[in-house]
Amino acid sequence: MALMIKMLVRLGKLIEMAIERGKMMSEHYYTKNPGVKSNPNKIVAELLGKQFQFTTDSGVFSKKEIDFGSKLLIESFEEPEVEGDIVDAGCGYGPIGISLASEFPNRRFYMLDVNERATELSTNNAIKNRVHNVIVMESDQLSAVKGSVFASVLTNPPIRAGKDVVHGILEDAYEVLKEHGTLWVVIQKKQGAPSAVTKLEEMFKQVETVVKKKGYYILKAVK
């Protein structure tokens, strides 16, 4: 009897885990209020030769570690030739915006995300890493900064949100960039890199693939 009870308890836990995993799969991170239960995690990462500490959580992109695409974008980014602020569109818990703001302290970085949990994490992670030249804002795509102009926009776009959202971010980026400003995008070939290049070429005067690595493309577009 005791053995049967233990088996039933274990089965119940496995069912709970499966349900939770199903919620996470059915609800992508590009949502205002993640329904998945909060389960914070702490990671340490070296970016651009500096060590950073980040608190992550369920319902936010790449909770367990900084994803390869974001790291590649951070390493590939070049400071724009024009003066002005920089946008991290879809900032998540903040690795791109925070590491680059630390690298370029004379630039102000606007870190945007539709996900409330992500923006709270980014705010706290910026404070934890003593990076003060950032402004974190809740924003559907780049709606919160329309009317302003920027020197650069970076994005690791939310692929799960669909092509319309991804292309919407690219269109918004063009709208808010200064003349000669730059858009930097990381995207996998299998997740729509060729389509993104075509979309960028319809809007920008210069588009190039700066890096190709492990199926990831770093795209740079100049307005």
C-alpha atoms as a PDB file:
ATOM      1  CA  MET A   1       0.000   0.000   0.000  1.00  0.00           C
ATOM      2  CA  ALA A   2       2.782   2.434   0.947  1.00  0.00           C
ATOM      3  CA  LEU A   3       4.532   1.758  -2.341  1.00  0.00           C
ATOM      4  CA  MET A   4       1.327   2.410  -4.282  1.00  0.00           C
ATOM      5  CA  ILE A   5       0.812   5.734  -2.479  1.00  0.00           C
ATOM      6  CA  LYS A   6       4.359   6.814  -3.345  1.00  0.00           C
ATOM      7  CA  MET A   7       3.775   5.868  -6.976  1.00  0.00           C
ATOM      8  CA  LEU A   8       0.530   7.855  -7.074  1.00  0.00           C
ATOM      9  CA  VAL A   9       2.222  10.886  -5.518  1.00  0.00           C
ATOM     10  CA  ARG A  10       5.030  10.686  -8.074  1.00  0.00           C
ATOM     11  CA  LEU A  11       2.518  10.302 -10.888  1.00  0.00           C
ATOM     12  CA  GLY A  12       0.664  13.371  -9.656  1.00  0.00           C
ATOM     13  CA  LYS A  13       3.879  15.405  -9.691  1.00  0.00           C
ATOM     14  CA  LEU A  14       4.697  14.222 -13.204  1.00  0.00           C
ATOM     15  CA  ILE A  15       1.235  15.264 -14.375  1.00  0.00           C
ATOM     16  CA  GLU A  16       1.683  18.715 -12.794  1.00  0.00           C
ATOM     17  CA  MET A  17       5.045  19.098 -14.531  1.00  0.00           C
ATOM     18  CA  ALA A  18       3.538  18.081 -17.865  1.00  0.00           C
ATOM     19  CA  ILE A  19       0.707  20.580 -17.474  1.00  0.00           C
ATOM     20  CA  GLU A  20       3.154  23.352 -16.594  1.00  0.00           C
ATOM     21  CA  ARG A  21       5.345  22.466 -19.570  1.00  0.00           C
ATOM     22  CA  GLY A  22       2.283  22.533 -21.791  1.00  0.00           C
ATOM     23  CA  LYS A  23       1.408  26.023 -20.574  1.00  0.00           C
ATOM     24  CA  MET A  24       4.911  27.203 -21.353  1.00  0.00           C
ATOM     25  CA  MET A  25       4.794  25.756 -24.851  1.00  0.00           C
ATOM     26  CA  SER A  26       1.312  27.073 -25.625  1.00  0.00           C
ATOM     27  CA  GLU A  27       2.026  30.581 -24.332  1.00  0.00           C
ATOM     28  CA  HIS A  28       5.058  32.188 -25.966  1.00  0.00           C
ATOM     29  CA  TYR A  29       7.067  34.849 -24.176  1.00  0.00           C
ATOM     30  CA  TYR A  30       5.707  37.666 -26.388  1.00  0.00           C
ATOM     31  CA  THR A  31       2.741  38.364 -24.151  1.00  0.00           C
ATOM     32  CA  LYS A  32       1.977  41.125 -21.666  1.00  0.00           C
ATOM     33  CA  ASN A  33       1.221  38.921 -18.665  1.00  0.00           C
ATOM     34  CA  PRO A  34       2.811  35.452 -18.757  1.00  0.00           C
ATOM     35  CA  GLY A  35       0.411  32.903 -17.294  1.00  0.00           C
ATOM     36  CA  VAL A  36       3.138  30.423 -16.384  1.00  0.00           C
ATOM     37  CA  LYS A  37       4.072  30.376 -12.701  1.00  0.00           C
ATOM     38  CA  SER A  38       7.089  32.472 -11.729  1.00  0.00           C
ATOM     39  CA  ASN A  39      10.198  30.393 -11.010  1.00  0.00           C
ATOM     40  CA  PRO A  40      13.243  32.719 -10.862  1.00  0.00           C
ATOM     41  CA  ASN A  41      16.701  31.571 -11.882  1.00  0.00           C
ATOM     42  CA  LYS A  42      20.098  33.255 -11.578  1.00  0.00           C
ATOM     43  CA  ILE A  43      22.813  33.053 -14.216  1.00  0.00           C
ATOM     44  CA  VAL A  44      26.309  34.490 -14.554  1.00  0.00           C
ATOM     45  CA  ALA A  45      27.652  35.320 -18.012  1.00  0.00           C
ATOM     46  CA  GLU A  46      30.746  36.868 -19.536  1.00  0.00           C
ATOM     47  CA  LEU A  47      29.856  39.334 -22.267  1.00  0.00           C
ATOM     48  CA  LEU A  48      32.345  41.587 -24.048  1.00  0.00           C
ATOM     49  CA  GLY A  49      34.993  40.632 -21.517  1.00  0.00           C
ATOM     50  CA  LYS A  50      32.916  41.592 -18.494  1.00  0.00           C
ATOM     51  CA  GLN A  51      31.026  39.447 -16.021  1.00  0.00           C
ATOM     52  CA  PHE A  52      27.306  40.039 -15.558  1.00  0.00           C
ATOM     53  CA  GLN A  53      24.717  38.558 -13.219  1.00  0.00           C
ATOM     54  CA  PHE A  54      21.133  38.158 -14.414  1.00  0.00           C
ATOM     55  CA  THR A  55      17.951  37.008 -12.736  1.00  0.00           C
ATOM     56  CA  THR A  56      15.704  35.235 -15.244  1.00  0.00           C
ATOM     57  CA  ASP A  57      12.268  33.630 -14.895  1.00  0.00           C
ATOM     58  CA  SER A  58       9.705  31.380 -16.516  1.00  0.00           C
ATOM     59  CA  GLY A  59       7.664  33.089 -19.216  1.00  0.00           C
ATOM     60  CA  VAL A  60      10.717  35.033 -20.422  1.00  0.00           C
ATOM     61  CA  PHE A  61      12.894  34.067 -23.378  1.00  0.00           C
ATOM     62  CA  SER A  62      15.916  31.818 -22.728  1.00  0.00           C
ATOM     63  CA  LYS A  63      15.560  31.456 -18.974  1.00  0.00           C
ATOM     64  CA  LYS A  64      18.385  28.958 -18.398  1.00  0.00           C
ATOM     65  CA  GLU A  65      21.170  30.732 -20.265  1.00  0.00           C
ATOM     66  CA  ILE A  66      21.843  33.578 -22.643  1.00  0.00           C
ATOM     67  CA  ASP A  67      21.040  32.179 -26.052  1.00  0.00           C
ATOM     68  CA  PHE A  68      23.642  31.875 -28.794  1.00  0.00           C
ATOM     69  CA  GLY A  69      21.874  34.382 -31.062  1.00  0.00           C
ATOM     70  CA  SER A  70      21.875  37.148 -28.448  1.00  0.00           C
ATOM     71  CA  LYS A  71      25.551  36.542 -27.690  1.00  0.00           C
ATOM     72  CA  LEU A  72      26.384  36.709 -31.386  1.00  0.00           C
ATOM     73  CA  LEU A  73      24.453  39.971 -31.771  1.00  0.00           C
ATOM     74  CA  ILE A  74      26.241  41.502 -28.767  1.00  0.00           C
ATOM     75  CA  GLU A  75      29.648  40.495 -30.131  1.00  0.00           C
ATOM     76  CA  SER A  76      28.880  41.693 -33.675  1.00  0.00           C
ATOM     77  CA  PHE A  77      27.341  45.094 -32.914  1.00  0.00           C
ATOM     78  CA  GLU A  78      29.282  48.182 -33.941  1.00  0.00           C
ATOM     79  CA  GLU A  79      28.658  51.633 -32.501  1.00  0.00           C
ATOM     80  CA  PRO A  80      26.774  53.791 -35.033  1.00  0.00           C
ATOM     81  CA  GLU A  81      28.506  56.675 -36.740  1.00  0.00           C
ATOM     82  CA  VAL A  82      25.632  59.040 -35.944  1.00  0.00           C
ATOM     83  CA  GLU A  83      24.999  60.492 -32.493  1.00  0.00           C
ATOM     84  CA  GLY A  84      21.978  59.421 -30.495  1.00  0.00           C
ATOM     85  CA  ASP A  85      20.323  56.855 -28.293  1.00  0.00           C
ATOM     86  CA  ILE A  86      19.980  53.138 -29.000  1.00  0.00           C
ATOM     87  CA  VAL A  87      16.995  50.771 -28.727  1.00  0.00           C
ATOM     88  CA  ASP A  88      16.992  47.128 -27.620  1.00  0.00           C
ATOM     89  CA  ALA A  89      13.659  45.935 -29.016  1.00  0.00           C
ATOM     90  CA  GLY A  90      12.407  42.820 -27.221  1.00  0.00           C
ATOM     91  CA  CYS A  91      14.919  43.089 -24.394  1.00  0.00           C
ATOM     92  CA  GLY A  92      13.784  40.104 -22.315  1.00  0.00           C
ATOM     93  CA  TYR A  93      15.672  40.093 -19.020  1.00  0.00           C
ATOM     94  CA  GLY A  94      18.252  42.440 -20.506  1.00  0.00           C
ATOM     95  CA  PRO A  95      21.502  40.796 -21.665  1.00  0.00           C
ATOM     96  CA  ILE A  96      21.777  42.716 -24.945  1.00  0.00           C
ATOM     97  CA  GLY A  97      20.878  46.185 -23.710  1.00  0.00           C
ATOM     98  CA  ILE A  98      22.688  45.945 -20.372  1.00  0.00           C
ATOM     99  CA  SER A  99      25.965  44.566 -21.747  1.00  0.00           C
ATOM    100  CA  LEU A 100      26.088  47.093 -24.591  1.00  0.00           C
ATOM    101  CA  ALA A 101      25.098  49.990 -22.333  1.00  0.00           C
ATOM    102  CA  SER A 102      28.032  49.006 -20.125  1.00  0.00           C
ATOM    103  CA  GLU A 103      30.290  48.947 -23.195  1.00  0.00           C
ATOM    104  CA  PHE A 104      29.065  52.341 -24.475  1.00  0.00           C
ATOM    105  CA  PRO A 105      28.437  54.438 -21.333  1.00  0.00           C
ATOM    106  CA  ASN A 106      28.028  57.668 -23.328  1.00  0.00           C
ATOM    107  CA  ARG A 107      24.977  56.265 -25.126  1.00  0.00           C
ATOM    108  CA  ARG A 108      21.534  55.895 -23.583  1.00  0.00           C
ATOM    109  CA  PHE A 109      19.771  52.597 -24.232  1.00  0.00           C
ATOM    110  CA  TYR A 110      16.004  52.202 -24.375  1.00  0.00           C
ATOM    111  CA  MET A 111      15.107  48.611 -23.493  1.00  0.00           C
ATOM    112  CA  LEU A 112      11.628  47.636 -24.680  1.00  0.00           C
ATOM    113  CA  ASP A 113       9.479  44.565 -24.158  1.00  0.00           C
ATOM    114  CA  VAL A 114       5.748  43.828 -24.172  1.00  0.00           C
ATOM    115  CA  ASN A 115       6.262  41.314 -21.356  1.00  0.00           C
ATOM    116  CA  GLU A 116       5.786  42.872 -17.896  1.00  0.00           C
ATOM    117  CA  ARG A 117       7.860  40.170 -16.231  1.00  0.00           C
ATOM    118  CA  ALA A 118      10.708  40.834 -18.673  1.00  0.00           C
ATOM    119  CA  THR A 119      10.752  44.586 -18.070  1.00  0.00           C
ATOM    120  CA  GLU A 120      10.774  44.105 -14.301  1.00  0.00           C
ATOM    121  CA  LEU A 121      13.693  41.689 -14.618  1.00  0.00           C
ATOM    122  CA  SER A 122      15.573  44.074 -16.938  1.00  0.00           C
ATOM    123  CA  THR A 123      15.121  46.958 -14.532  1.00  0.00           C
ATOM    124  CA  ASN A 124      16.426  44.932 -11.598  1.00  0.00           C
ATOM    125  CA  ASN A 125      19.265  43.415 -13.632  1.00  0.00           C
ATOM    126  CA  ALA A 126      20.461  46.848 -14.755  1.00  0.00           C
ATOM    127  CA  ILE A 127      20.573  47.961 -11.115  1.00  0.00           C
ATOM    128  CA  LYS A 128      22.304  44.739 -10.035  1.00  0.00           C
ATOM    129  CA  ASN A 129      25.002  45.226 -12.682  1.00  0.00           C
ATOM    130  CA  ARG A 130      25.357  48.953 -11.927  1.00  0.00           C
ATOM    131  CA  VAL A 131      24.421  49.988 -15.445  1.00  0.00           C
ATOM    132  CA  HIS A 132      22.611  53.316 -15.230  1.00  0.00           C
ATOM    133  CA  ASN A 133      22.408  54.578 -18.827  1.00  0.00           C
ATOM    134  CA  VAL A 134      19.289  52.518 -19.595  1.00  0.00           C
ATOM    135  CA  ILE A 135      15.573  53.249 -19.664  1.00  0.00           C
ATOM    136  CA  VAL A 136      13.315  50.178 -19.500  1.00  0.00           C
ATOM    137  CA  MET A 137       9.804  50.498 -20.925  1.00  0.00           C
ATOM    138  CA  GLU A 138       6.840  48.241 -21.601  1.00  0.00           C
ATOM    139  CA  SER A 139       6.163  48.436 -25.312  1.00  0.00           C
ATOM    140  CA  ASP A 140       4.310  46.472 -27.973  1.00  0.00           C
ATOM    141  CA  GLN A 141       6.981  46.372 -30.664  1.00  0.00           C
ATOM    142  CA  LEU A 142       8.401  49.947 -30.680  1.00  0.00           C
ATOM    143  CA  SER A 143       5.153  51.774 -29.962  1.00  0.00           C
ATOM    144  CA  ALA A 144       6.443  53.389 -26.747  1.00  0.00           C
ATOM    145  CA  VAL A 145       9.202  55.307 -28.537  1.00  0.00           C
ATOM    146  CA  LYS A 146       7.463  56.352 -31.739  1.00  0.00           C
ATOM    147  CA  GLY A 147       7.947  60.077 -32.222  1.00  0.00           C
ATOM    148  CA  SER A 148      11.581  59.839 -31.077  1.00  0.00           C
ATOM    149  CA  VAL A 149      14.613  59.141 -33.250  1.00  0.00           C
ATOM    150  CA  PHE A 150      17.549  56.839 -32.579  1.00  0.00           C
ATOM    151  CA  ALA A 151      21.021  56.062 -33.844  1.00  0.00           C
ATOM    152  CA  SER A 152      20.571  52.286 -33.725  1.00  0.00           C
ATOM    153  CA  VAL A 153      18.021  49.592 -33.024  1.00  0.00           C
ATOM    154  CA  LEU A 154      18.979  46.038 -32.055  1.00  0.00           C
ATOM    155  CA  THR A 155      16.596  43.115 -31.945  1.00  0.00           C
ATOM    156  CA  ASN A 156      16.537  39.401 -31.403  1.00  0.00           C
ATOM    157  CA  PRO A 157      12.917  39.240 -32.569  1.00  0.00           C
ATOM    158  CA  PRO A 158      10.252  36.997 -30.982  1.00  0.00           C
ATOM    159  CA  ILE A 159       9.976  34.367 -33.710  1.00  0.00           C
ATOM    160  CA  ARG A 160       7.155  32.506 -31.930  1.00  0.00           C
ATOM    161  CA  ALA A 161       4.999  35.613 -32.124  1.00  0.00           C
ATOM    162  CA  GLY A 162       4.795  35.177 -35.885  1.00  0.00           C
ATOM    163  CA  LYS A 163       5.965  36.828 -39.089  1.00  0.00           C
ATOM    164  CA  ASP A 164       3.632  39.824 -38.764  1.00  0.00           C
ATOM    165  CA  VAL A 165       5.104  40.773 -35.381  1.00  0.00           C
ATOM    166  CA  VAL A 166       8.696  40.259 -36.544  1.00  0.00           C
ATOM    167  CA  HIS A 167       8.169  42.359 -39.675  1.00  0.00           C
ATOM    168  CA  GLY A 168       6.277  44.916 -37.591  1.00  0.00           C
ATOM    169  CA  ILE A 169       9.382  45.374 -35.436  1.00  0.00           C
ATOM    170  CA  LEU A 170      11.503  45.887 -38.567  1.00  0.00           C
ATOM    171  CA  GLU A 171       9.038  48.474 -39.891  1.00  0.00           C
ATOM    172  CA  ASP A 172       8.921  50.294 -36.540  1.00  0.00           C
ATOM    173  CA  ALA A 173      12.716  50.320 -36.428  1.00  0.00           C
ATOM    174  CA  TYR A 174      12.905  52.015 -39.816  1.00  0.00           C
ATOM    175  CA  GLU A 175      10.404  54.619 -38.636  1.00  0.00           C
ATOM    176  CA  VAL A 176      12.351  55.602 -35.499  1.00  0.00           C
ATOM    177  CA  LEU A 177      15.874  55.535 -36.946  1.00  0.00           C
ATOM    178  CA  LYS A 178      17.777  58.660 -37.870  1.00  0.00           C
ATOM    179  CA  GLU A 179      19.122  59.052 -41.389  1.00  0.00           C
ATOM    180  CA  HIS A 180      22.203  56.798 -41.595  1.00  0.00           C
ATOM    181  CA  GLY A 181      21.059  55.032 -38.422  1.00  0.00           C
ATOM    182  CA  THR A 182      21.510  51.259 -38.215  1.00  0.00           C
ATOM    183  CA  LEU A 183      19.283  48.303 -37.487  1.00  0.00           C
ATOM    184  CA  TRP A 184      20.902  45.103 -36.204  1.00  0.00           C
ATOM    185  CA  VAL A 185      18.933  41.847 -36.311  1.00  0.00           C
ATOM    186  CA  VAL A 186      19.812  38.299 -35.303  1.00  0.00           C
ATOM    187  CA  ILE A 187      17.687  35.554 -36.839  1.00  0.00           C
ATOM    188  CA  GLN A 188      18.145  31.922 -37.787  1.00  0.00           C
ATOM    189  CA  LYS A 189      18.050  30.932 -41.438  1.00  0.00           C
ATOM    190  CA  LYS A 190      15.418  28.269 -40.737  1.00  0.00           C
ATOM    191  CA  GLN A 191      13.281  30.791 -38.832  1.00  0.00           C
ATOM    192  CA  GLY A 192      13.004  33.359 -41.590  1.00  0.00           C
ATOM    193  CA  ALA A 193      16.347  35.048 -42.271  1.00  0.00           C
ATOM    194  CA  PRO A 194      15.819  35.152 -46.086  1.00  0.00           C
ATOM    195  CA  SER A 195      12.350  36.649 -45.609  1.00  0.00           C
ATOM    196  CA  ALA A 196      13.735  39.229 -43.175  1.00  0.00           C
ATOM    197  CA  VAL A 197      16.437  40.223 -45.668  1.00  0.00           C
ATOM    198  CA  THR A 198      13.814  40.727 -48.381  1.00  0.00           C
ATOM    199  CA  LYS A 199      11.717  42.837 -46.015  1.00  0.00           C
ATOM    200  CA  LEU A 200      14.698  44.983 -45.031  1.00  0.00           C
ATOM    201  CA  GLU A 201      15.725  45.511 -48.656  1.00  0.00           C
ATOM    202  CA  GLU A 202      12.261  46.919 -49.359  1.00  0.00           C
ATOM    203  CA  MET A 203      12.849  49.688 -46.789  1.00  0.00           C
ATOM    204  CA  PHE A 204      16.559  50.339 -46.228  1.00  0.00           C
ATOM    205  CA  LYS A 205      19.109  51.645 -48.692  1.00  0.00           C
ATOM    206  CA  GLN A 206      21.819  49.256 -47.556  1.00  0.00           C
ATOM    207  CA  VAL A 207      21.419  45.722 -46.135  1.00  0.00           C
ATOM    208  CA  GLU A 208      24.205  43.264 -45.433  1.00  0.00           C
ATOM    209  CA  THR A 209      24.685  39.953 -43.681  1.00  0.00           C
ATOM    210  CA  VAL A 210      27.533  40.751 -41.326  1.00  0.00           C
ATOM    211  CA  VAL A 211      27.932  37.285 -39.795  1.00  0.00           C
ATOM    212  CA  LYS A 212      26.721  33.757 -40.531  1.00  0.00           C
ATOM    213  CA  LYS A 213      27.388  31.253 -37.761  1.00  0.00           C
ATOM    214  CA  LYS A 214      25.731  27.972 -36.761  1.00  0.00           C
ATOM    215  CA  GLY A 215      22.648  28.814 -38.800  1.00  0.00           C
ATOM    216  CA  TYR A 216      22.316  32.329 -37.325  1.00  0.00           C
ATOM    217  CA  TYR A 217      22.469  35.471 -39.427  1.00  0.00           C
ATOM    218  CA  ILE A 218      23.457  38.901 -38.130  1.00  0.00           C
ATOM    219  CA  LEU A 219      21.820  41.444 -40.411  1.00  0.00           C
ATOM    220  CA  LYS A 220      22.764  45.111 -40.535  1.00  0.00           C
ATOM    221  CA  ALA A 221      20.571  47.644 -42.329  1.00  0.00           C
ATOM    222  CA  VAL A 222      21.446  51.300 -42.843  1.00  0.00           C
ATOM    223  CA  LYS A 223      18.684  53.865 -43.317  1.00  0.00           C
END
